[in-house]
Amino acid sequence: MADVLDQSQVDALLAAVDTGDVAEEAGNELIFSRSRRPDDPVEIRSYDFKRPERVSKDQMLALQTLHEAFARNFGASLSGFLRTIVEVKVATCEQMTYAEFIAGLANPTSFNLITADTLEGTICLEISPLIIYPIIDRLLGGSSQDLFIPQRPMTLIESRLISNVTERGLIALSEAWSTVKSLKFTVSATESNPQLVQIVPPNEVVVVIGFELKLANRAGTMNLCIPYNVIEPVMDHLSAQSWFSTARHAKSNDNERRISSTLHAASLQVAGCLATTTISLADLLSMSVGDVIVTEKPSHDPVVVTVEGEAKFLAHMGKHKEKLALRVLRPITQADRVT
């Protein structure tokens, strides 16, 4: 057995450690991992339990890809509406708490509350005054060269003009989300002070997609805030695998429709088979004009109609406008024995 120290020896050892006569052994930090060795540097990151990452990286990538399509459609719609080139692109796509999102917004601003017909909850669309007033100036015939950005809430006329812009944005948003779920977005309310709007608790996780809008010599931002509890029912459809499989499915449907429309104009050979029989090679060689070929098929039996050599219908022979014709009776089934 190892020697046991008495109390005096323990006191002497502690006193030596305090005075520095005995060096204290440094504890070795052991981190067990399959991918690192003991001498490799260790990277330690802090984790904030108040901000859990509820949306995976694949789902965030799918959301970013979805709203990049929205940005392209919205930019094209605004360019046609304003008769000038408007660039819209995704600047950021991140998740944060609702309190952090509200704290980063200007006051006053254009804060729109949006609802979806098949989802529960409210989505926020915030448009910066730095781009709102140049758009209003453009709609009223101005050039936005020496435009002053007022620090006040929008008037009723200005709100009415901007509603035409937000309506086009919601149409483009519905088109972008149609690949995931058919949604119809509507504006339920508007507010100028975002601090007065509390759609979810302050510590609730939200996904914020930031857009950058450029109009001539002016630029501004637009933020779309989507609470996690609103899109939670469709989060399974936002994984990368299902996202790309949906895109492939939509593409395959387009190809199917395009091929079907082309096939509809294709020509097919249709023939009526009166009867069939068998003869010997000698009979075939001795056959001449005027010979009669006798078959075992009664004359009143239906005629087999073939399409590209395949038996498809049964028909009766007759005349139509002094021409021989076939009137289709019914399609051929497996119970019919046709030759």
Protein backbone atom coordinates (compact mmCIF):
# COMPACT_ATOMS: atom_id res chain seq x y z
CA MET A 1 0.00 0.00 0.00
CA ALA A 2 1.10 3.60 -0.53
CA ASP A 3 2.35 5.54 2.46
CA VAL A 4 -0.27 7.60 4.28
CA LEU A 5 0.74 11.18 5.23
CA ASP A 6 0.04 12.38 8.70
CA GLN A 7 -1.36 15.83 9.48
CA SER A 8 2.05 17.48 10.00
CA GLN A 9 3.30 16.27 6.64
CA VAL A 10 0.15 17.51 4.91
CA ASP A 11 0.56 20.96 6.53
CA ALA A 12 4.23 21.10 5.50
CA LEU A 13 3.38 20.20 1.91
CA LEU A 14 0.66 22.87 1.69
CA ALA A 15 3.00 25.47 3.13
CA ALA A 16 5.67 24.59 0.55
CA VAL A 17 3.15 25.02 -2.27
CA ASP A 18 2.11 28.43 -0.92
CA THR A 19 5.72 29.66 -0.69
CA GLY A 20 6.61 28.34 -4.15
CA ASP A 21 9.12 25.72 -3.01
CA VAL A 22 7.02 23.01 -4.68
CA ALA A 23 5.58 23.62 -8.18
CA GLU A 24 1.94 22.78 -8.68
CA GLU A 25 1.36 20.28 -11.47
CA ALA A 26 -0.58 21.68 -14.39
CA GLY A 27 -3.67 19.70 -15.25
CA ASN A 28 -3.72 18.21 -18.73
CA GLU A 29 -6.84 19.17 -20.69
CA LEU A 30 -8.22 16.05 -22.30
CA ILE A 31 -10.78 16.36 -25.07
CA PHE A 32 -11.80 13.09 -26.60
CA SER A 33 -12.54 13.14 -30.32
CA ARG A 34 -12.18 10.82 -33.29
CA SER A 35 -10.89 13.57 -35.58
CA ARG A 36 -8.18 15.25 -33.44
CA ARG A 37 -5.04 14.25 -31.63
CA PRO A 38 -4.08 15.35 -28.11
CA ASP A 39 -1.52 17.89 -29.37
CA ASP A 40 -3.89 19.58 -31.86
CA PRO A 41 -5.14 23.10 -30.97
CA VAL A 42 -8.61 23.25 -29.47
CA GLU A 43 -11.23 25.76 -30.68
CA ILE A 44 -13.81 26.59 -28.05
CA ARG A 45 -16.87 28.65 -28.93
CA SER A 46 -19.36 30.15 -26.53
CA TYR A 47 -22.99 29.06 -26.83
CA ASP A 48 -25.85 31.34 -25.88
CA PHE A 49 -28.73 29.25 -24.54
CA LYS A 50 -31.04 32.26 -24.94
CA ARG A 51 -30.60 32.05 -28.73
CA PRO A 52 -30.97 28.44 -29.80
CA GLU A 53 -30.36 27.69 -33.49
CA ARG A 54 -33.79 26.31 -34.37
CA VAL A 55 -33.36 26.43 -38.15
CA SER A 56 -30.75 24.13 -39.68
CA LYS A 57 -28.17 25.25 -42.22
CA ASP A 58 -29.90 23.34 -45.02
CA GLN A 59 -33.20 25.03 -44.24
CA MET A 60 -31.53 28.46 -44.09
CA LEU A 61 -29.93 27.78 -47.48
CA ALA A 62 -33.32 26.78 -48.88
CA LEU A 63 -34.90 29.96 -47.50
CA GLN A 64 -32.14 32.07 -49.02
CA THR A 65 -32.55 30.38 -52.40
CA LEU A 66 -36.32 30.83 -52.25
CA HIS A 67 -36.08 34.54 -51.50
CA GLU A 68 -33.42 35.09 -54.16
CA ALA A 69 -36.10 34.03 -56.64
CA PHE A 70 -38.48 36.46 -54.92
CA ALA A 71 -35.89 39.26 -55.25
CA ARG A 72 -35.56 38.68 -59.00
CA ASN A 73 -39.31 38.66 -59.58
CA PHE A 74 -39.90 41.68 -57.34
CA GLY A 75 -37.14 43.65 -59.06
CA ALA A 76 -38.60 42.91 -62.48
CA SER A 77 -42.09 43.89 -61.30
CA LEU A 78 -40.87 47.16 -59.77
CA SER A 79 -38.85 48.00 -62.88
CA GLY A 80 -41.95 47.72 -65.04
CA PHE A 81 -44.08 49.65 -62.52
CA LEU A 82 -41.64 52.55 -62.07
CA ARG A 83 -40.38 52.60 -65.69
CA THR A 84 -36.79 52.44 -64.51
CA ILE A 85 -34.27 49.79 -63.52
CA VAL A 86 -34.70 48.59 -59.92
CA GLU A 87 -32.22 46.08 -58.51
CA VAL A 88 -33.32 43.85 -55.64
CA LYS A 89 -30.96 41.29 -54.14
CA VAL A 90 -30.64 39.28 -50.93
CA ALA A 91 -28.07 40.86 -48.60
CA THR A 92 -28.41 38.74 -45.44
CA CYS A 93 -30.28 35.68 -44.24
CA GLU A 94 -29.95 34.92 -40.54
CA GLN A 95 -31.89 33.93 -37.46
CA MET A 96 -32.09 36.07 -34.34
CA THR A 97 -34.51 37.00 -31.59
CA TYR A 98 -37.43 39.30 -32.31
CA ALA A 99 -36.06 41.85 -29.82
CA GLU A 100 -32.78 42.07 -31.75
CA PHE A 101 -34.65 42.54 -35.01
CA ILE A 102 -36.79 45.37 -33.65
CA ALA A 103 -33.79 47.07 -32.02
CA GLY A 104 -32.04 47.36 -35.40
CA LEU A 105 -34.91 49.16 -37.17
CA ALA A 106 -35.27 52.87 -37.72
CA ASN A 107 -38.14 54.93 -36.35
CA PRO A 108 -40.20 55.96 -38.27
CA THR A 109 -40.26 53.34 -41.01
CA SER A 110 -42.77 51.43 -43.13
CA PHE A 111 -43.67 48.40 -41.00
CA ASN A 112 -46.23 46.10 -42.65
CA LEU A 113 -47.91 43.16 -40.92
CA ILE A 114 -48.57 40.31 -43.35
CA THR A 115 -50.72 37.19 -42.93
CA ALA A 116 -50.77 34.00 -45.00
CA ASP A 117 -54.06 32.23 -45.67
CA THR A 118 -52.88 28.72 -44.63
CA LEU A 119 -50.34 29.65 -41.94
CA GLU A 120 -50.97 30.86 -38.40
CA GLY A 121 -49.21 33.97 -37.17
CA THR A 122 -47.95 37.24 -38.62
CA ILE A 123 -44.97 38.09 -40.83
CA CYS A 124 -43.31 41.52 -40.88
CA LEU A 125 -42.15 43.40 -43.98
CA GLU A 126 -40.12 46.52 -43.20
CA ILE A 127 -39.11 48.96 -45.94
CA SER A 128 -36.58 51.69 -45.19
CA PRO A 129 -37.55 55.36 -45.74
CA LEU A 130 -34.28 55.76 -47.67
CA ILE A 131 -35.88 53.87 -50.58
CA ILE A 132 -39.56 54.63 -49.90
CA TYR A 133 -39.38 58.35 -50.58
CA PRO A 134 -37.33 57.99 -53.80
CA ILE A 135 -40.02 55.58 -55.03
CA ILE A 136 -42.77 58.05 -54.09
CA ASP A 137 -40.83 60.84 -55.78
CA ARG A 138 -40.52 58.71 -58.91
CA LEU A 139 -44.25 57.94 -58.92
CA LEU A 140 -45.03 61.67 -58.68
CA GLY A 141 -42.72 62.59 -61.57
CA GLY A 142 -39.58 63.64 -59.68
CA SER A 143 -35.96 62.85 -60.44
CA SER A 144 -34.78 62.09 -56.84
CA GLN A 145 -31.67 64.24 -57.37
CA ASP A 146 -32.06 66.64 -54.42
CA LEU A 147 -34.62 64.63 -52.49
CA PHE A 148 -34.90 65.27 -48.75
CA ILE A 149 -35.78 62.24 -46.60
CA PRO A 150 -38.22 63.47 -43.91
CA GLN A 151 -38.08 62.00 -40.40
CA ARG A 152 -41.82 61.61 -39.92
CA PRO A 153 -44.50 58.97 -40.44
CA MET A 154 -45.92 58.68 -43.94
CA THR A 155 -49.07 60.55 -44.86
CA LEU A 156 -52.19 58.81 -46.13
CA ILE A 157 -51.33 59.67 -49.74
CA GLU A 158 -47.79 58.35 -49.34
CA SER A 159 -49.08 55.18 -47.69
CA ARG A 160 -51.51 54.66 -50.56
CA LEU A 161 -48.70 55.03 -53.12
CA ILE A 162 -46.45 52.59 -51.27
CA SER A 163 -49.28 50.06 -50.99
CA ASN A 164 -48.99 49.58 -54.76
CA VAL A 165 -45.38 48.57 -54.22
CA THR A 166 -46.10 46.19 -51.34
CA GLU A 167 -48.92 44.52 -53.29
CA ARG A 168 -46.49 43.70 -56.09
CA GLY A 169 -44.04 42.42 -53.51
CA LEU A 170 -46.63 40.07 -52.00
CA ILE A 171 -47.52 38.72 -55.45
CA ALA A 172 -43.84 37.96 -56.10
CA LEU A 173 -43.57 36.41 -52.63
CA SER A 174 -46.52 34.11 -53.32
CA GLU A 175 -44.92 33.03 -56.60
CA ALA A 176 -41.64 32.24 -54.85
CA TRP A 177 -43.34 30.21 -52.08
CA SER A 178 -45.51 28.30 -54.57
CA THR A 179 -42.71 25.73 -55.03
CA VAL A 180 -43.01 24.86 -51.32
CA LYS A 181 -46.66 25.59 -50.50
CA SER A 182 -49.44 27.53 -52.15
CA LEU A 183 -49.80 30.70 -50.07
CA LYS A 184 -51.63 33.99 -50.51
CA PHE A 185 -50.16 36.93 -48.57
CA THR A 186 -52.15 39.99 -47.55
CA VAL A 187 -51.31 43.12 -45.56
CA SER A 188 -53.35 43.15 -42.34
CA ALA A 189 -51.99 46.40 -40.82
CA THR A 190 -49.29 49.04 -41.22
CA GLU A 191 -47.32 50.91 -38.56
CA SER A 192 -44.60 53.57 -38.54
CA ASN A 193 -43.09 52.77 -35.13
CA PRO A 194 -41.87 49.16 -34.96
CA GLN A 195 -41.46 49.36 -31.18
CA LEU A 196 -45.25 49.40 -30.83
CA VAL A 197 -45.71 46.07 -32.66
CA GLN A 198 -45.32 42.84 -30.69
CA ILE A 199 -46.21 39.88 -32.87
CA VAL A 200 -44.16 37.32 -30.87
CA PRO A 201 -42.36 37.33 -27.50
CA PRO A 202 -39.06 39.27 -27.50
CA ASN A 203 -36.91 36.14 -27.10
CA GLU A 204 -38.71 34.20 -29.86
CA VAL A 205 -36.50 33.05 -32.75
CA VAL A 206 -37.23 34.70 -36.10
CA VAL A 207 -35.69 34.35 -39.55
CA VAL A 208 -34.76 37.72 -41.05
CA ILE A 209 -34.04 38.04 -44.76
CA GLY A 210 -32.46 41.39 -45.61
CA PHE A 211 -32.75 42.84 -49.12
CA GLU A 212 -30.92 45.69 -50.80
CA LEU A 213 -32.89 47.87 -53.23
CA LYS A 214 -31.22 50.21 -55.73
CA LEU A 215 -33.15 52.82 -57.68
CA ALA A 216 -31.02 55.08 -59.92
CA ASN A 217 -28.71 56.95 -57.53
CA ARG A 218 -30.65 55.89 -54.41
CA ALA A 219 -30.40 52.74 -52.30
CA GLY A 220 -32.21 51.35 -49.29
CA THR A 221 -32.99 48.17 -47.40
CA MET A 222 -36.00 45.92 -46.94
CA ASN A 223 -36.33 43.28 -44.23
CA LEU A 224 -38.67 40.30 -44.14
CA CYS A 225 -39.11 38.91 -40.62
CA ILE A 226 -40.63 35.41 -40.42
CA PRO A 227 -41.23 34.00 -36.90
CA TYR A 228 -40.25 30.38 -36.53
CA ASN A 229 -43.68 29.34 -35.25
CA VAL A 230 -45.25 30.65 -38.49
CA ILE A 231 -43.18 28.50 -40.87
CA GLU A 232 -42.74 25.55 -38.50
CA PRO A 233 -45.47 23.47 -40.27
CA VAL A 234 -43.57 23.71 -43.59
CA MET A 235 -40.01 23.40 -42.27
CA ASP A 236 -39.80 19.75 -43.36
CA HIS A 237 -40.30 20.90 -46.97
CA LEU A 238 -37.39 23.36 -46.70
CA SER A 239 -34.59 20.81 -46.38
CA ALA A 240 -32.10 20.79 -49.22
CA GLN A 241 -33.10 17.33 -50.44
CA SER A 242 -36.83 18.01 -50.62
CA TRP A 243 -36.17 21.50 -52.01
CA PHE A 244 -34.19 20.24 -54.98
CA SER A 245 -36.50 17.25 -55.48
CA THR A 246 -39.42 19.70 -55.68
CA ALA A 247 -37.54 21.69 -58.28
CA ARG A 248 -36.84 18.53 -60.25
CA HIS A 249 -40.51 17.49 -59.97
CA ALA A 250 -41.66 20.87 -61.26
CA LYS A 251 -39.17 20.64 -64.09
CA SER A 252 -40.30 17.11 -64.98
CA ASN A 253 -43.94 18.29 -65.09
CA ASP A 254 -42.97 21.06 -67.51
CA ASN A 255 -41.13 18.56 -69.71
CA GLU A 256 -44.13 16.23 -69.62
CA ARG A 257 -46.50 18.99 -70.72
CA ARG A 258 -44.13 20.11 -73.46
CA ILE A 259 -43.67 16.56 -74.80
CA SER A 260 -47.42 15.90 -74.63
CA SER A 261 -48.21 19.03 -76.64
CA THR A 262 -45.69 17.95 -79.29
CA LEU A 263 -47.03 14.39 -79.42
CA HIS A 264 -50.57 15.64 -79.98
CA ALA A 265 -49.52 16.89 -83.44
CA ALA A 266 -47.77 13.63 -84.41
CA SER A 267 -49.31 11.65 -87.31
CA LEU A 268 -50.34 8.00 -86.89
CA GLN A 269 -51.25 5.35 -89.46
CA VAL A 270 -54.73 3.85 -88.97
CA ALA A 271 -55.86 0.77 -90.91
CA GLY A 272 -58.84 -1.59 -90.91
CA CYS A 273 -58.01 -5.30 -91.05
CA LEU A 274 -60.89 -7.06 -92.86
CA ALA A 275 -59.74 -10.65 -92.25
CA THR A 276 -56.63 -12.84 -91.97
CA THR A 277 -55.87 -16.35 -93.21
CA THR A 278 -52.93 -18.60 -94.05
CA ILE A 279 -51.81 -19.99 -97.40
CA SER A 280 -48.91 -22.06 -98.60
CA LEU A 281 -45.94 -20.62 -100.46
CA ALA A 282 -46.95 -22.55 -103.57
CA ASP A 283 -50.43 -20.96 -103.51
CA LEU A 284 -48.85 -17.53 -103.14
CA LEU A 285 -46.58 -18.09 -106.15
CA SER A 286 -49.45 -19.33 -108.32
CA MET A 287 -51.78 -16.47 -107.36
CA SER A 288 -52.96 -14.22 -110.19
CA VAL A 289 -55.40 -11.37 -110.78
CA GLY A 290 -59.01 -12.42 -110.19
CA ASP A 291 -58.28 -15.17 -107.69
CA VAL A 292 -60.50 -15.27 -104.59
CA ILE A 293 -59.03 -15.67 -101.11
CA VAL A 294 -61.46 -17.45 -98.80
CA THR A 295 -61.34 -16.76 -95.04
CA GLU A 296 -63.18 -18.25 -92.08
CA LYS A 297 -64.39 -14.87 -90.81
CA PRO A 298 -68.13 -14.11 -91.30
CA SER A 299 -68.87 -10.99 -93.33
CA HIS A 300 -71.04 -9.49 -90.58
CA ASP A 301 -68.30 -9.64 -87.89
CA PRO A 302 -66.68 -6.35 -86.82
CA VAL A 303 -63.47 -5.20 -88.47
CA VAL A 304 -60.32 -4.74 -86.39
CA VAL A 305 -58.89 -1.19 -86.51
CA THR A 306 -55.13 -1.00 -85.99
CA VAL A 307 -53.07 2.06 -85.01
CA GLU A 308 -49.44 1.76 -86.08
CA GLY A 309 -49.96 -2.01 -86.36
CA GLU A 310 -51.50 -2.40 -82.89
CA ALA A 311 -55.13 -3.61 -82.62
CA LYS A 312 -57.08 -0.90 -80.78
CA PHE A 313 -60.78 -0.80 -81.84
CA LEU A 314 -63.61 -2.85 -83.34
CA ALA A 315 -65.58 -1.18 -86.15
CA HIS A 316 -68.28 -1.82 -88.78
CA MET A 317 -67.68 -1.23 -92.47
CA GLY A 318 -69.87 1.13 -94.41
CA LYS A 319 -70.01 4.19 -96.69
CA HIS A 320 -69.76 7.87 -95.88
CA LYS A 321 -70.21 10.41 -98.69
CA GLU A 322 -69.62 7.73 -101.34
CA LYS A 323 -66.40 6.60 -99.67
CA LEU A 324 -65.61 3.44 -97.72
CA ALA A 325 -65.63 4.13 -93.98
CA LEU A 326 -65.31 2.43 -90.60
CA ARG A 327 -67.56 3.26 -87.65
CA VAL A 328 -65.84 2.54 -84.34
CA LEU A 329 -67.90 0.36 -81.99
CA ARG A 330 -65.69 0.02 -78.90
CA PRO A 331 -62.05 -0.43 -77.80
CA ILE A 332 -60.57 -3.90 -77.85
CA THR A 333 -60.31 -5.56 -74.42
CA GLN A 334 -58.28 -8.50 -73.19
CA ALA A 335 -61.34 -10.75 -73.50
CA ASP A 336 -61.52 -10.15 -77.29
CA ARG A 337 -59.67 -12.67 -79.42
CA VAL A 338 -58.73 -10.84 -82.57
CA THR A 339 -56.45 -12.04 -85.34
